[in-house]
């Protein structure tokens, strides 16, 4: 179950990273949209790390 969760989170992280690069490269500056995607990406990375730590502790 947790492997599926971690895989889903990793896929979402990759998508958000790609979205962030695309949005930034459109204007070559930090916009509200870039900050929003960056914040989502940060939260997903934190969730992924926490999940990996939980898996290691079990």
N, C-alpha and C. Protein backbone atom coordinates (compact mmCIF):
# COMPACT_ATOMS: atom_id res chain seq x y z
N UNK A 1 0.82 -1.20 0.00
CA UNK A 1 0.00 0.00 0.00
C UNK A 1 0.86 1.26 0.00
N UNK A 2 1.84 1.30 0.92
CA UNK A 2 2.68 2.49 0.99
C UNK A 2 3.55 2.63 -0.25
N UNK A 3 3.92 1.49 -0.87
CA UNK A 3 4.68 1.56 -2.11
C UNK A 3 3.87 2.25 -3.20
N UNK A 4 2.57 1.97 -3.24
CA UNK A 4 1.70 2.63 -4.21
C UNK A 4 1.60 4.12 -3.90
N UNK A 5 1.51 4.45 -2.62
CA UNK A 5 1.45 5.86 -2.22
C UNK A 5 2.74 6.57 -2.60
N UNK A 6 3.87 5.96 -2.31
CA UNK A 6 5.14 6.61 -2.61
C UNK A 6 5.33 6.75 -4.11
N UNK A 7 4.90 5.75 -4.88
CA UNK A 7 5.00 5.83 -6.34
C UNK A 7 4.11 6.95 -6.88
N UNK A 8 2.90 7.07 -6.35
CA UNK A 8 1.99 8.12 -6.78
C UNK A 8 2.54 9.50 -6.43
N UNK A 9 3.10 9.62 -5.23
CA UNK A 9 3.70 10.90 -4.83
C UNK A 9 4.89 11.24 -5.72
N UNK A 10 5.71 10.27 -6.03
CA UNK A 10 6.87 10.51 -6.88
C UNK A 10 6.44 10.95 -8.28
N UNK A 11 5.40 10.34 -8.82
CA UNK A 11 4.88 10.76 -10.12
C UNK A 11 4.35 12.18 -10.07
N UNK A 12 3.66 12.53 -8.99
CA UNK A 12 3.14 13.88 -8.85
C UNK A 12 4.27 14.89 -8.72
N UNK A 13 5.32 14.52 -7.99
CA UNK A 13 6.49 15.39 -7.84
C UNK A 13 7.12 15.66 -9.20
N UNK A 14 7.28 14.63 -10.00
CA UNK A 14 7.87 14.79 -11.33
C UNK A 14 7.00 15.69 -12.21
N UNK A 15 5.68 15.51 -12.14
CA UNK A 15 4.78 16.34 -12.94
C UNK A 15 4.84 17.80 -12.49
N UNK A 16 4.83 18.02 -11.18
CA UNK A 16 4.90 19.39 -10.67
C UNK A 16 6.23 20.05 -11.04
N UNK A 17 7.32 19.28 -10.99
CA UNK A 17 8.62 19.82 -11.39
C UNK A 17 8.60 20.25 -12.85
N UNK A 18 8.04 19.40 -13.71
CA UNK A 18 7.94 19.74 -15.13
C UNK A 18 7.05 20.96 -15.33
N UNK A 19 5.93 21.02 -14.62
CA UNK A 19 5.04 22.18 -14.70
C UNK A 19 5.75 23.45 -14.28
N UNK A 20 6.51 23.35 -13.20
CA UNK A 20 7.24 24.51 -12.69
C UNK A 20 8.22 25.04 -13.73
N UNK A 21 8.98 24.15 -14.35
CA UNK A 21 9.93 24.56 -15.38
C UNK A 21 9.21 25.20 -16.57
N UNK A 22 8.11 24.60 -16.98
CA UNK A 22 7.35 25.12 -18.12
C UNK A 22 6.82 26.53 -17.84
N UNK A 23 6.19 26.68 -16.68
CA UNK A 23 5.60 27.98 -16.32
C UNK A 23 6.68 29.04 -16.20
N UNK A 24 7.78 28.71 -15.55
CA UNK A 24 8.86 29.69 -15.39
C UNK A 24 9.45 30.07 -16.74
N UNK A 25 9.67 29.10 -17.60
CA UNK A 25 10.30 29.36 -18.89
C UNK A 25 9.42 30.19 -19.82
N UNK A 26 8.11 30.22 -19.57
CA UNK A 26 7.23 31.05 -20.40
C UNK A 26 7.53 32.53 -20.22
N UNK A 27 7.85 32.96 -19.00
CA UNK A 27 8.06 34.39 -18.72
C UNK A 27 9.47 34.72 -18.26
N UNK A 28 10.22 33.69 -17.88
CA UNK A 28 11.58 33.87 -17.36
C UNK A 28 11.60 34.76 -16.12
N UNK A 29 10.51 34.69 -15.35
CA UNK A 29 10.47 35.40 -14.07
C UNK A 29 9.52 34.68 -13.12
N UNK A 30 9.68 34.98 -11.86
CA UNK A 30 8.85 34.35 -10.84
C UNK A 30 7.51 35.08 -10.79
N UNK A 31 6.45 34.31 -10.99
CA UNK A 31 5.10 34.86 -10.94
C UNK A 31 4.33 34.18 -9.81
N UNK A 32 3.13 34.66 -9.59
CA UNK A 32 2.27 34.05 -8.56
C UNK A 32 2.04 32.56 -8.86
N UNK A 33 1.88 32.24 -10.14
CA UNK A 33 1.65 30.85 -10.54
C UNK A 33 2.89 29.99 -10.26
N UNK A 34 4.07 30.53 -10.52
CA UNK A 34 5.31 29.81 -10.24
C UNK A 34 5.42 29.53 -8.74
N UNK A 35 5.11 30.52 -7.93
CA UNK A 35 5.18 30.33 -6.48
C UNK A 35 4.17 29.29 -5.99
N UNK A 36 2.99 29.29 -6.58
CA UNK A 36 1.97 28.31 -6.20
C UNK A 36 2.42 26.89 -6.51
N UNK A 37 2.93 26.68 -7.72
CA UNK A 37 3.39 25.34 -8.10
C UNK A 37 4.60 24.94 -7.27
N UNK A 38 5.47 25.89 -7.00
CA UNK A 38 6.65 25.62 -6.18
C UNK A 38 6.26 25.19 -4.77
N UNK A 39 5.26 25.84 -4.21
CA UNK A 39 4.78 25.48 -2.88
C UNK A 39 4.16 24.09 -2.88
N UNK A 40 3.35 23.78 -3.90
CA UNK A 40 2.77 22.44 -4.01
C UNK A 40 3.87 21.39 -4.12
N UNK A 41 4.88 21.68 -4.93
CA UNK A 41 5.99 20.76 -5.11
C UNK A 41 6.71 20.52 -3.78
N UNK A 42 6.94 21.57 -3.04
CA UNK A 42 7.60 21.46 -1.74
C UNK A 42 6.79 20.58 -0.79
N UNK A 43 5.49 20.76 -0.75
CA UNK A 43 4.63 19.95 0.12
C UNK A 43 4.67 18.47 -0.27
N UNK A 44 4.63 18.21 -1.57
CA UNK A 44 4.65 16.82 -2.03
C UNK A 44 5.99 16.16 -1.72
N UNK A 45 7.09 16.89 -1.87
CA UNK A 45 8.41 16.34 -1.54
C UNK A 45 8.47 16.02 -0.06
N UNK A 46 7.97 16.92 0.78
CA UNK A 46 7.95 16.66 2.23
C UNK A 46 7.11 15.42 2.56
N UNK A 47 5.97 15.28 1.91
CA UNK A 47 5.12 14.10 2.13
C UNK A 47 5.83 12.83 1.71
N UNK A 48 6.53 12.90 0.60
CA UNK A 48 7.27 11.73 0.09
C UNK A 48 8.37 11.32 1.06
N UNK A 49 9.11 12.29 1.55
CA UNK A 49 10.20 12.00 2.50
C UNK A 49 9.62 11.39 3.78
N UNK A 50 8.54 11.95 4.29
CA UNK A 50 7.92 11.41 5.50
C UNK A 50 7.46 9.97 5.29
N UNK A 51 6.89 9.69 4.13
CA UNK A 51 6.44 8.34 3.82
C UNK A 51 7.62 7.38 3.77
N UNK A 52 8.72 7.80 3.17
CA UNK A 52 9.91 6.94 3.11
C UNK A 52 10.47 6.67 4.51
N UNK A 53 10.45 7.68 5.35
CA UNK A 53 10.93 7.50 6.72
C UNK A 53 10.04 6.50 7.46
N UNK A 54 8.73 6.62 7.29
CA UNK A 54 7.80 5.68 7.91
C UNK A 54 8.06 4.26 7.42
N UNK A 55 8.30 4.11 6.12
CA UNK A 55 8.57 2.78 5.56
C UNK A 55 9.85 2.20 6.15
N UNK A 56 10.87 3.03 6.32
CA UNK A 56 12.14 2.56 6.89
C UNK A 56 11.99 2.15 8.35
N UNK A 57 11.10 2.82 9.07
CA UNK A 57 10.91 2.51 10.49
C UNK A 57 10.10 1.24 10.71
N UNK A 58 9.44 0.76 9.68
CA UNK A 58 8.63 -0.47 9.82
C UNK A 58 9.39 -1.69 9.40
